[in-house]
Amino acid sequence: MSGAQGAADRGTVSAEAAGRMVEEVLDRLAESGDPAACEAAEELVRVLMQFYGAGLARIVELLGRLPGAPGEQALTALLDDEVVASLLVLHDLHPADVEPRIARALDAVPYPVENAGFDTDSGALRLRLTGSAGCGCGSTREAVEQAARDALAGLAPEVTEVRLDADTAREPVLLQIGSGPPGALSTSGRPPAGRAS
């Protein structure tokens, strides 16, 4: 079973996973060597994207027409849904700017991180750890950055690079544990090794 089929069989997929599935199908068609089939498939994807984008735009517009709280509550519920929010971003319909969407995505990262600066020109996002996130070793750095990339993929595709600030991923200070308080005698009656008597 292909990755695309397996993801589809599990039910709801993210916008990123759906995009990968479409690319897999288009790649398989390209490998078949039939240029007419490839062009037809790409046109089909474009038409469907336009149709769904227009439908989503209409939903957001209709919710905006509802008076007061009901419309706001319904729109908030849609924006809180990961799949719907990523579709709105994909079609450039999400009402929030990039910075609030970055913040929302970082809330879902399983490490205590915060935005330390986003460069709109390069798409680079710097992160800072705000608490303890493991040992600070390379694998933890990579895990934090990958978790952030995964969370940002659907909500803030403007972010093309994620870097964890080096000063927040330091190695922990190792504590030296002695056999007793300074000046204490060992069980032999002598000061512990390495201490002056």
N, C-alpha and C. Protein backbone atom coordinates (compact mmCIF):
# COMPACT_ATOMS: atom_id res chain seq x y z
N MET A 1 0.85 -1.18 0.00
CA MET A 1 0.00 0.00 0.00
C MET A 1 0.89 1.23 0.00
N SER A 2 0.60 2.21 -0.87
CA SER A 2 1.43 3.41 -0.95
C SER A 2 1.21 4.28 0.27
N GLY A 3 2.15 5.22 0.50
CA GLY A 3 2.00 6.16 1.61
C GLY A 3 0.74 6.98 1.48
N ALA A 4 0.41 7.38 0.24
CA ALA A 4 -0.78 8.18 0.00
C ALA A 4 -2.03 7.40 0.36
N GLN A 5 -2.08 6.13 -0.08
CA GLN A 5 -3.27 5.31 0.21
C GLN A 5 -3.40 5.06 1.70
N GLY A 6 -2.26 4.77 2.36
CA GLY A 6 -2.31 4.52 3.80
C GLY A 6 -2.83 5.72 4.56
N ALA A 7 -2.36 6.93 4.20
CA ALA A 7 -2.83 8.14 4.87
C ALA A 7 -4.30 8.35 4.62
N ALA A 8 -4.76 8.09 3.39
CA ALA A 8 -6.17 8.30 3.07
C ALA A 8 -7.05 7.33 3.83
N ASP A 9 -6.58 6.08 4.04
CA ASP A 9 -7.37 5.09 4.75
C ASP A 9 -7.54 5.43 6.22
N ARG A 10 -6.64 6.25 6.78
CA ARG A 10 -6.73 6.59 8.20
C ARG A 10 -7.72 7.73 8.45
N GLY A 11 -8.30 8.30 7.42
CA GLY A 11 -9.29 9.36 7.61
C GLY A 11 -8.69 10.72 7.32
N THR A 12 -8.91 11.66 8.24
CA THR A 12 -8.49 13.03 8.04
C THR A 12 -6.97 13.14 7.92
N VAL A 13 -6.52 13.92 6.95
CA VAL A 13 -5.09 14.16 6.78
C VAL A 13 -4.84 15.65 6.83
N SER A 14 -3.62 16.02 7.16
CA SER A 14 -3.26 17.44 7.20
C SER A 14 -3.11 17.96 5.79
N ALA A 15 -3.09 19.28 5.66
CA ALA A 15 -2.90 19.89 4.35
C ALA A 15 -1.54 19.49 3.79
N GLU A 16 -0.53 19.41 4.65
CA GLU A 16 0.81 19.02 4.20
C GLU A 16 0.80 17.60 3.67
N ALA A 17 0.15 16.68 4.41
CA ALA A 17 0.08 15.28 3.96
C ALA A 17 -0.71 15.17 2.67
N ALA A 18 -1.79 15.92 2.56
CA ALA A 18 -2.58 15.89 1.32
C ALA A 18 -1.75 16.39 0.15
N GLY A 19 -0.97 17.43 0.36
CA GLY A 19 -0.10 17.94 -0.69
C GLY A 19 0.91 16.90 -1.14
N ARG A 20 1.48 16.16 -0.16
CA ARG A 20 2.43 15.10 -0.51
C ARG A 20 1.74 14.00 -1.31
N MET A 21 0.49 13.68 -0.91
CA MET A 21 -0.25 12.64 -1.62
C MET A 21 -0.50 13.05 -3.07
N VAL A 22 -0.88 14.30 -3.30
CA VAL A 22 -1.11 14.79 -4.66
C VAL A 22 0.19 14.72 -5.46
N GLU A 23 1.30 15.15 -4.83
CA GLU A 23 2.60 15.09 -5.52
C GLU A 23 2.98 13.65 -5.89
N GLU A 24 2.69 12.69 -5.00
CA GLU A 24 2.98 11.28 -5.30
C GLU A 24 2.21 10.82 -6.53
N VAL A 25 0.93 11.17 -6.59
CA VAL A 25 0.11 10.76 -7.73
C VAL A 25 0.62 11.41 -9.01
N LEU A 26 0.92 12.70 -8.96
CA LEU A 26 1.44 13.39 -10.14
C LEU A 26 2.78 12.82 -10.57
N ASP A 27 3.64 12.47 -9.60
CA ASP A 27 4.93 11.86 -9.94
C ASP A 27 4.74 10.52 -10.63
N ARG A 28 3.79 9.71 -10.14
CA ARG A 28 3.53 8.42 -10.77
C ARG A 28 3.04 8.60 -12.20
N LEU A 29 2.20 9.61 -12.40
CA LEU A 29 1.72 9.88 -13.76
C LEU A 29 2.87 10.33 -14.66
N ALA A 30 3.76 11.16 -14.12
CA ALA A 30 4.91 11.62 -14.91
C ALA A 30 5.80 10.46 -15.30
N GLU A 31 5.96 9.48 -14.39
CA GLU A 31 6.78 8.30 -14.68
C GLU A 31 6.17 7.43 -15.76
N SER A 32 4.85 7.53 -15.95
CA SER A 32 4.18 6.72 -16.97
C SER A 32 4.56 7.17 -18.38
N GLY A 33 5.07 8.39 -18.49
CA GLY A 33 5.51 8.88 -19.80
C GLY A 33 4.39 9.41 -20.68
N ASP A 34 3.21 9.62 -20.11
CA ASP A 34 2.09 10.14 -20.90
C ASP A 34 1.89 11.62 -20.57
N PRO A 35 2.45 12.54 -21.40
CA PRO A 35 2.36 13.96 -21.09
C PRO A 35 0.92 14.48 -21.05
N ALA A 36 0.05 13.93 -21.88
CA ALA A 36 -1.35 14.38 -21.90
C ALA A 36 -2.03 14.06 -20.56
N ALA A 37 -1.75 12.87 -20.01
CA ALA A 37 -2.33 12.49 -18.72
C ALA A 37 -1.80 13.37 -17.60
N CYS A 38 -0.50 13.70 -17.66
CA CYS A 38 0.09 14.59 -16.65
C CYS A 38 -0.56 15.96 -16.68
N GLU A 39 -0.71 16.52 -17.88
CA GLU A 39 -1.33 17.85 -18.01
C GLU A 39 -2.77 17.83 -17.52
N ALA A 40 -3.50 16.77 -17.86
CA ALA A 40 -4.90 16.66 -17.43
C ALA A 40 -4.99 16.57 -15.90
N ALA A 41 -4.09 15.79 -15.29
CA ALA A 41 -4.10 15.65 -13.83
C ALA A 41 -3.77 16.97 -13.16
N GLU A 42 -2.77 17.69 -13.68
CA GLU A 42 -2.42 18.98 -13.09
C GLU A 42 -3.55 19.98 -13.24
N GLU A 43 -4.24 19.95 -14.37
CA GLU A 43 -5.39 20.84 -14.57
C GLU A 43 -6.51 20.49 -13.60
N LEU A 44 -6.73 19.20 -13.38
CA LEU A 44 -7.75 18.75 -12.44
C LEU A 44 -7.44 19.26 -11.03
N VAL A 45 -6.19 19.15 -10.62
CA VAL A 45 -5.78 19.64 -9.29
C VAL A 45 -6.04 21.15 -9.19
N ARG A 46 -5.68 21.91 -10.23
CA ARG A 46 -5.90 23.37 -10.21
C ARG A 46 -7.38 23.71 -10.09
N VAL A 47 -8.22 23.01 -10.87
CA VAL A 47 -9.66 23.30 -10.84
C VAL A 47 -10.24 22.97 -9.47
N LEU A 48 -9.85 21.82 -8.91
CA LEU A 48 -10.36 21.46 -7.58
C LEU A 48 -9.90 22.44 -6.51
N MET A 49 -8.64 22.87 -6.61
CA MET A 49 -8.13 23.86 -5.64
C MET A 49 -8.93 25.16 -5.73
N GLN A 50 -9.21 25.61 -6.95
CA GLN A 50 -10.00 26.84 -7.12
C GLN A 50 -11.40 26.67 -6.55
N PHE A 51 -12.00 25.50 -6.81
CA PHE A 51 -13.36 25.24 -6.32
C PHE A 51 -13.41 25.23 -4.80
N TYR A 52 -12.52 24.46 -4.18
CA TYR A 52 -12.51 24.40 -2.72
C TYR A 52 -12.12 25.74 -2.10
N GLY A 53 -11.19 26.44 -2.73
CA GLY A 53 -10.82 27.76 -2.22
C GLY A 53 -12.00 28.72 -2.25
N ALA A 54 -12.76 28.68 -3.36
CA ALA A 54 -13.95 29.55 -3.46
C ALA A 54 -14.99 29.17 -2.41
N GLY A 55 -15.13 27.87 -2.16
CA GLY A 55 -16.09 27.43 -1.13
C GLY A 55 -15.68 27.88 0.26
N LEU A 56 -14.40 27.78 0.57
CA LEU A 56 -13.92 28.24 1.88
C LEU A 56 -14.08 29.75 2.02
N ALA A 57 -13.78 30.48 0.96
CA ALA A 57 -13.94 31.94 1.01
C ALA A 57 -15.40 32.29 1.28
N ARG A 58 -16.31 31.55 0.67
CA ARG A 58 -17.74 31.80 0.87
C ARG A 58 -18.14 31.51 2.32
N ILE A 59 -17.61 30.44 2.90
CA ILE A 59 -17.92 30.10 4.30
C ILE A 59 -17.48 31.23 5.22
N VAL A 60 -16.23 31.70 5.03
CA VAL A 60 -15.72 32.78 5.88
C VAL A 60 -16.56 34.04 5.70
N GLU A 61 -16.93 34.34 4.47
CA GLU A 61 -17.76 35.52 4.20
C GLU A 61 -19.12 35.40 4.89
N LEU A 62 -19.76 34.24 4.78
CA LEU A 62 -21.09 34.05 5.39
C LEU A 62 -21.01 34.13 6.91
N LEU A 63 -19.94 33.59 7.49
CA LEU A 63 -19.78 33.68 8.94
C LEU A 63 -19.62 35.13 9.36
N GLY A 64 -18.93 35.92 8.55
CA GLY A 64 -18.74 37.34 8.85
C GLY A 64 -20.04 38.12 8.82
N ARG A 65 -21.04 37.60 8.10
CA ARG A 65 -22.34 38.28 8.02
C ARG A 65 -23.23 37.98 9.22
N LEU A 66 -22.92 36.90 9.96
CA LEU A 66 -23.75 36.59 11.13
C LEU A 66 -23.57 37.69 12.17
N PRO A 67 -24.66 38.14 12.76
CA PRO A 67 -24.54 39.24 13.72
C PRO A 67 -23.86 38.82 15.02
N GLY A 68 -22.90 39.62 15.44
CA GLY A 68 -22.29 39.48 16.77
C GLY A 68 -21.62 38.16 17.05
N ALA A 69 -21.87 37.68 18.26
CA ALA A 69 -21.16 36.53 18.82
C ALA A 69 -21.30 35.24 18.04
N PRO A 70 -22.48 34.88 17.50
CA PRO A 70 -22.56 33.59 16.80
C PRO A 70 -21.55 33.47 15.66
N GLY A 71 -21.42 34.51 14.86
CA GLY A 71 -20.46 34.46 13.75
C GLY A 71 -19.03 34.39 14.24
N GLU A 72 -18.71 35.18 15.28
CA GLU A 72 -17.36 35.17 15.84
C GLU A 72 -17.02 33.82 16.46
N GLN A 73 -17.99 33.24 17.17
CA GLN A 73 -17.76 31.93 17.80
C GLN A 73 -17.55 30.85 16.75
N ALA A 74 -18.36 30.89 15.70
CA ALA A 74 -18.23 29.88 14.64
C ALA A 74 -16.88 30.02 13.93
N LEU A 75 -16.48 31.26 13.63
CA LEU A 75 -15.20 31.47 12.96
C LEU A 75 -14.04 31.04 13.87
N THR A 76 -14.13 31.34 15.16
CA THR A 76 -13.10 30.93 16.11
C THR A 76 -12.99 29.40 16.15
N ALA A 77 -14.15 28.73 16.14
CA ALA A 77 -14.14 27.26 16.15
C ALA A 77 -13.45 26.72 14.90
N LEU A 78 -13.68 27.34 13.76
CA LEU A 78 -13.03 26.90 12.52
C LEU A 78 -11.52 27.15 12.59
N LEU A 79 -11.13 28.31 13.10
CA LEU A 79 -9.71 28.65 13.18
C LEU A 79 -8.98 27.77 14.18
N ASP A 80 -9.70 27.26 15.18
CA ASP A 80 -9.10 26.38 16.17
C ASP A 80 -8.90 24.96 15.64
N ASP A 81 -9.56 24.63 14.52
CA ASP A 81 -9.42 23.31 13.93
C ASP A 81 -8.19 23.30 13.03
N GLU A 82 -7.27 22.38 13.28
CA GLU A 82 -5.99 22.36 12.55
C GLU A 82 -6.18 22.19 11.05
N VAL A 83 -7.08 21.28 10.64
CA VAL A 83 -7.28 21.02 9.22
C VAL A 83 -7.91 22.23 8.53
N VAL A 84 -8.96 22.79 9.14
CA VAL A 84 -9.63 23.94 8.53
C VAL A 84 -8.68 25.13 8.48
N ALA A 85 -7.96 25.38 9.57
CA ALA A 85 -7.04 26.51 9.61
C ALA A 85 -5.96 26.37 8.53
N SER A 86 -5.43 25.16 8.34
CA SER A 86 -4.40 24.98 7.32
C SER A 86 -4.96 25.15 5.92
N LEU A 87 -6.23 24.77 5.70
CA LEU A 87 -6.86 25.00 4.40
C LEU A 87 -7.06 26.50 4.15
N LEU A 88 -7.44 27.22 5.19
CA LEU A 88 -7.61 28.67 5.04
C LEU A 88 -6.27 29.33 4.72
N VAL A 89 -5.19 28.85 5.35
CA VAL A 89 -3.86 29.38 5.05
C VAL A 89 -3.47 29.05 3.62
N LEU A 90 -3.72 27.81 3.22
CA LEU A 90 -3.38 27.37 1.86
C LEU A 90 -4.03 28.24 0.79
N HIS A 91 -5.25 28.67 1.06
CA HIS A 91 -6.00 29.48 0.09
C HIS A 91 -5.90 30.98 0.40
N ASP A 92 -4.98 31.35 1.29
CA ASP A 92 -4.76 32.75 1.67
C ASP A 92 -6.04 33.41 2.19
N LEU A 93 -6.79 32.65 2.99
CA LEU A 93 -8.05 33.15 3.54
C LEU A 93 -8.01 33.30 5.06
N HIS A 94 -6.93 32.85 5.68
CA HIS A 94 -6.85 32.93 7.15
C HIS A 94 -6.80 34.40 7.56
N PRO A 95 -7.66 34.81 8.48
CA PRO A 95 -7.72 36.23 8.84
C PRO A 95 -6.52 36.73 9.66
N ALA A 96 -5.75 35.84 10.26
CA ALA A 96 -4.62 36.27 11.09
C ALA A 96 -3.37 36.46 10.25
N ASP A 97 -2.56 37.45 10.64
CA ASP A 97 -1.26 37.66 10.00
C ASP A 97 -0.31 36.53 10.41
N VAL A 98 0.88 36.53 9.84
CA VAL A 98 1.82 35.44 10.07
C VAL A 98 2.27 35.34 11.53
N GLU A 99 2.53 36.45 12.21
CA GLU A 99 3.05 36.38 13.59
C GLU A 99 2.07 35.67 14.54
N PRO A 100 0.77 36.02 14.53
CA PRO A 100 -0.15 35.27 15.40
C PRO A 100 -0.28 33.80 15.02
N ARG A 101 -0.14 33.50 13.73
CA ARG A 101 -0.22 32.09 13.32
C ARG A 101 1.02 31.34 13.77
N ILE A 102 2.17 31.99 13.75
CA ILE A 102 3.39 31.37 14.27
C ILE A 102 3.21 31.08 15.76
N ALA A 103 2.70 32.07 16.50
CA ALA A 103 2.49 31.89 17.94
C ALA A 103 1.54 30.72 18.21
N ARG A 104 0.47 30.64 17.44
CA ARG A 104 -0.51 29.56 17.62
C ARG A 104 0.14 28.20 17.34
N ALA A 105 0.96 28.13 16.28
CA ALA A 105 1.63 26.87 15.95
C ALA A 105 2.62 26.49 17.04
N LEU A 106 3.37 27.46 17.57
CA LEU A 106 4.36 27.16 18.60
C LEU A 106 3.71 26.68 19.89
N ASP A 107 2.46 27.07 20.13
CA ASP A 107 1.74 26.58 21.30
C ASP A 107 1.56 25.06 21.24
N ALA A 108 1.57 24.51 20.03
CA ALA A 108 1.37 23.07 19.86
C ALA A 108 2.67 22.28 19.92
N VAL A 109 3.81 22.96 19.98
CA VAL A 109 5.11 22.28 20.03
C VAL A 109 5.29 21.68 21.42
N PRO A 110 5.69 20.41 21.52
CA PRO A 110 5.81 19.77 22.84
C PRO A 110 7.06 20.16 23.62
N TYR A 111 7.64 21.30 23.30
CA TYR A 111 8.80 21.83 24.03
C TYR A 111 8.49 23.29 24.36
N PRO A 112 9.04 23.80 25.45
CA PRO A 112 8.77 25.20 25.82
C PRO A 112 9.60 26.16 24.97
N VAL A 113 9.03 26.63 23.86
CA VAL A 113 9.75 27.52 22.95
C VAL A 113 8.95 28.80 22.73
N GLU A 114 9.68 29.83 22.32
CA GLU A 114 9.04 31.08 21.94
C GLU A 114 9.73 31.65 20.71
N ASN A 115 9.03 32.51 20.01
CA ASN A 115 9.54 33.17 18.82
C ASN A 115 10.61 34.18 19.25
N ALA A 116 11.83 33.98 18.74
CA ALA A 116 12.92 34.91 19.07
C ALA A 116 13.21 35.83 17.89
N GLY A 117 12.37 35.76 16.86
CA GLY A 117 12.53 36.63 15.70
C GLY A 117 12.21 35.92 14.41
N PHE A 118 11.38 36.56 13.59
CA PHE A 118 11.02 36.00 12.28
C PHE A 118 11.42 36.99 11.21
N ASP A 119 12.21 36.55 10.25
CA ASP A 119 12.66 37.38 9.13
C ASP A 119 11.74 37.09 7.94
N THR A 120 10.87 38.05 7.62
CA THR A 120 9.91 37.84 6.55
C THR A 120 10.58 37.69 5.19
N ASP A 121 11.75 38.30 5.01
CA ASP A 121 12.43 38.22 3.71
C ASP A 121 13.00 36.83 3.45
N SER A 122 13.65 36.26 4.45
CA SER A 122 14.28 34.95 4.26
C SER A 122 13.36 33.79 4.67
N GLY A 123 12.36 34.07 5.50
CA GLY A 123 11.49 33.01 6.01
C GLY A 123 12.09 32.27 7.19
N ALA A 124 13.20 32.80 7.74
CA ALA A 124 13.88 32.14 8.86
C ALA A 124 13.23 32.54 10.19
N LEU A 125 12.95 31.54 11.00
CA LEU A 125 12.39 31.76 12.33
C LEU A 125 13.40 31.29 13.36
N ARG A 126 13.74 32.19 14.29
CA ARG A 126 14.61 31.84 15.41
C ARG A 126 13.74 31.51 16.61
N LEU A 127 14.10 30.44 17.30
CA LEU A 127 13.37 30.02 18.50
C LEU A 127 14.26 30.11 19.71
N ARG A 128 13.64 30.31 20.85
CA ARG A 128 14.35 30.33 22.12
C ARG A 128 13.61 29.38 23.06
N LEU A 129 14.39 28.53 23.76
CA LEU A 129 13.80 27.68 24.78
C LEU A 129 13.44 28.53 25.98
N THR A 130 12.27 28.30 26.55
CA THR A 130 11.84 29.07 27.72
C THR A 130 11.87 28.24 28.99
N GLY A 131 12.26 26.99 28.87
CA GLY A 131 12.33 26.12 30.04
C GLY A 131 13.24 24.96 29.72
N SER A 132 13.20 23.94 30.53
CA SER A 132 14.03 22.76 30.32
C SER A 132 13.41 21.90 29.24
N ALA A 133 14.24 21.50 28.28
CA ALA A 133 13.74 20.64 27.19
C ALA A 133 14.71 19.49 26.95
N GLY A 134 15.11 18.84 28.00
CA GLY A 134 15.98 17.70 27.82
C GLY A 134 17.43 18.06 28.10
N CYS A 135 18.33 17.34 27.46
CA CYS A 135 19.74 17.46 27.77
C CYS A 135 20.43 18.62 27.08
N GLY A 136 19.81 19.25 26.08
CA GLY A 136 20.47 20.32 25.35
C GLY A 136 21.45 19.80 24.32
N CYS A 137 21.51 18.48 24.13
CA CYS A 137 22.43 17.91 23.17
C CYS A 137 21.88 18.04 21.76
N GLY A 138 22.67 17.65 20.77
CA GLY A 138 22.30 17.81 19.38
C GLY A 138 20.97 17.16 19.03
N SER A 139 20.71 15.97 19.56
CA SER A 139 19.47 15.30 19.22
C SER A 139 18.26 16.07 19.75
N THR A 140 18.40 16.69 20.91
CA THR A 140 17.30 17.49 21.44
C THR A 140 17.10 18.73 20.59
N ARG A 141 18.18 19.37 20.19
CA ARG A 141 18.08 20.55 19.31
C ARG A 141 17.32 20.17 18.05
N GLU A 142 17.72 19.05 17.43
CA GLU A 142 17.06 18.60 16.20
C GLU A 142 15.60 18.27 16.46
N ALA A 143 15.30 17.66 17.59
CA ALA A 143 13.92 17.30 17.91
C ALA A 143 13.06 18.54 18.09
N VAL A 144 13.59 19.56 18.76
CA VAL A 144 12.85 20.81 18.96
C VAL A 144 12.59 21.49 17.62
N GLU A 145 13.63 21.58 16.80
CA GLU A 145 13.48 22.23 15.49
C GLU A 145 12.51 21.48 14.60
N GLN A 146 12.57 20.14 14.61
CA GLN A 146 11.66 19.34 13.78
C GLN A 146 10.22 19.47 14.27
N ALA A 147 10.03 19.44 15.58
CA ALA A 147 8.67 19.60 16.12
C ALA A 147 8.09 20.95 15.73
N ALA A 148 8.92 21.98 15.76
CA ALA A 148 8.47 23.32 15.36
C ALA A 148 8.14 23.35 13.87
N ARG A 149 9.00 22.74 13.04
CA ARG A 149 8.72 22.70 11.59
C ARG A 149 7.39 22.00 11.31
N ASP A 150 7.16 20.88 12.00
CA ASP A 150 5.92 20.13 11.80
C ASP A 150 4.70 20.98 12.18
N ALA A 151 4.80 21.67 13.32
CA ALA A 151 3.67 22.48 13.79
C ALA A 151 3.42 23.68 12.88
N LEU A 152 4.48 24.23 12.32
CA LEU A 152 4.36 25.43 11.49
C LEU A 152 3.93 25.14 10.06
N ALA A 153 4.12 23.91 9.60
CA ALA A 153 3.90 23.58 8.19
C ALA A 153 2.52 23.99 7.69
N GLY A 154 1.49 23.69 8.45
CA GLY A 154 0.13 23.99 8.01
C GLY A 154 -0.32 25.40 8.32
N LEU A 155 0.14 25.95 9.44
CA LEU A 155 -0.36 27.26 9.87
C LEU A 155 0.49 28.44 9.40
N ALA A 156 1.76 28.22 9.19
CA ALA A 156 2.63 29.33 8.79
C ALA A 156 3.64 28.86 7.76
N PRO A 157 3.17 28.56 6.53
CA PRO A 157 4.10 28.09 5.51
C PRO A 157 5.11 29.15 5.08
N GLU A 158 4.92 30.39 5.53
CA GLU A 158 5.90 31.44 5.25
C GLU A 158 7.23 31.14 5.92
N VAL A 159 7.20 30.32 6.99
CA VAL A 159 8.42 29.93 7.69
C VAL A 159 9.09 28.82 6.88
N THR A 160 10.26 29.12 6.34
CA THR A 160 10.97 28.15 5.51
C THR A 160 12.19 27.56 6.21
N GLU A 161 12.57 28.16 7.35
CA GLU A 161 13.73 27.67 8.10
C GLU A 161 13.48 27.91 9.58
N VAL A 162 13.84 26.93 10.40
CA VAL A 162 13.68 27.05 11.86
C VAL A 162 15.03 26.80 12.50
N ARG A 163 15.47 27.74 13.35
CA ARG A 163 16.75 27.60 14.05
C ARG A 163 16.52 27.86 15.54
N LEU A 164 17.01 26.95 16.35
CA LEU A 164 16.97 27.13 17.80
C LEU A 164 18.21 27.91 18.20
N ASP A 165 18.03 29.05 18.89
CA ASP A 165 19.17 29.86 19.32
C ASP A 165 20.14 29.00 20.12
N ALA A 166 21.42 29.10 19.77
CA ALA A 166 22.45 28.27 20.40
C ALA A 166 22.56 28.51 21.89
N ASP A 167 22.39 29.75 22.33
CA ASP A 167 22.57 30.03 23.76
C ASP A 167 21.47 29.43 24.62
N THR A 168 20.37 28.99 24.00
CA THR A 168 19.30 28.38 24.80
C THR A 168 19.36 26.87 24.78
N ALA A 169 20.33 26.31 24.05
CA ALA A 169 20.45 24.86 23.97
C ALA A 169 21.80 24.42 24.52
N ARG A 170 22.20 25.02 25.65
CA ARG A 170 23.50 24.70 26.26
C ARG A 170 23.47 23.35 26.94
N GLU A 171 24.64 22.78 27.05
CA GLU A 171 24.77 21.57 27.84
C GLU A 171 24.51 21.91 29.31
N PRO A 172 23.86 21.02 30.03
CA PRO A 172 23.61 21.32 31.45
C PRO A 172 24.91 21.29 32.25
N VAL A 173 24.92 22.04 33.33
CA VAL A 173 26.07 22.04 34.23
C VAL A 173 26.06 20.72 34.98
N LEU A 174 27.22 20.04 34.99
CA LEU A 174 27.31 18.78 35.71
C LEU A 174 27.63 19.07 37.17
N LEU A 175 26.91 18.45 38.04
CA LEU A 175 27.15 18.61 39.46
C LEU A 175 28.08 17.51 39.93
N GLN A 176 29.09 17.89 40.71
CA GLN A 176 30.00 16.91 41.28
C GLN A 176 29.46 16.51 42.64
N ILE A 177 29.21 15.23 42.77
CA ILE A 177 28.66 14.74 44.04
C ILE A 177 29.79 14.08 44.81
N GLY A 178 30.09 14.64 45.97
CA GLY A 178 31.15 14.10 46.80
C GLY A 178 30.57 13.10 47.79
N SER A 179 31.45 12.58 48.65
CA SER A 179 31.01 11.60 49.62
C SER A 179 30.46 12.24 50.89
N GLY A 180 30.50 13.55 50.98
CA GLY A 180 29.97 14.22 52.17
C GLY A 180 30.22 15.70 52.07
N PRO A 181 29.79 16.44 53.06
CA PRO A 181 30.02 17.88 53.03
C PRO A 181 31.51 18.19 53.11
N PRO A 182 31.93 19.37 52.64
CA PRO A 182 33.35 19.74 52.70
C PRO A 182 33.89 19.57 54.11
N GLY A 183 35.04 18.95 54.20
CA GLY A 183 35.69 18.77 55.50
C GLY A 183 35.22 17.56 56.27
N ALA A 184 34.21 16.86 55.74
CA ALA A 184 33.69 15.69 56.46
C ALA A 184 34.71 14.56 56.36
N LEU A 185 34.73 13.71 57.36
CA LEU A 185 35.64 12.57 57.36
C LEU A 185 34.95 11.39 56.71
N SER A 186 35.75 10.59 56.02
CA SER A 186 35.20 9.38 55.41
C SER A 186 35.03 8.33 56.50
N THR A 187 34.51 7.19 56.15
CA THR A 187 34.31 6.12 57.13
C THR A 187 35.63 5.62 57.70
N SER A 188 36.75 5.89 56.99
CA SER A 188 38.05 5.46 57.49
C SER A 188 38.64 6.48 58.47
N GLY A 189 37.95 7.63 58.63
CA GLY A 189 38.47 8.66 59.52
C GLY A 189 39.37 9.64 58.81
N ARG A 190 39.60 9.45 57.51
CA ARG A 190 40.43 10.38 56.74
C ARG A 190 39.52 11.28 55.90
N PRO A 191 40.03 12.47 55.54
CA PRO A 191 39.25 13.31 54.63
C PRO A 191 39.10 12.59 53.30
N PRO A 192 38.01 12.81 52.58
CA PRO A 192 37.82 12.17 51.27
C PRO A 192 38.99 12.49 50.36
N ALA A 193 39.24 11.60 49.41
CA ALA A 193 40.33 11.80 48.46
C ALA A 193 40.18 13.11 47.76
N GLY A 194 41.32 13.78 47.53
CA GLY A 194 41.30 15.03 46.82
C GLY A 194 41.06 16.22 47.71
N ARG A 195 40.84 16.02 49.01
CA ARG A 195 40.65 17.15 49.92
C ARG A 195 41.83 17.23 50.88
N ALA A 196 42.19 18.41 51.17
CA ALA A 196 43.30 18.60 52.12
C ALA A 196 42.82 18.24 53.51
N SER A 197 43.75 17.71 54.34
CA SER A 197 43.35 17.38 55.71
C SER A 197 43.54 18.57 56.61
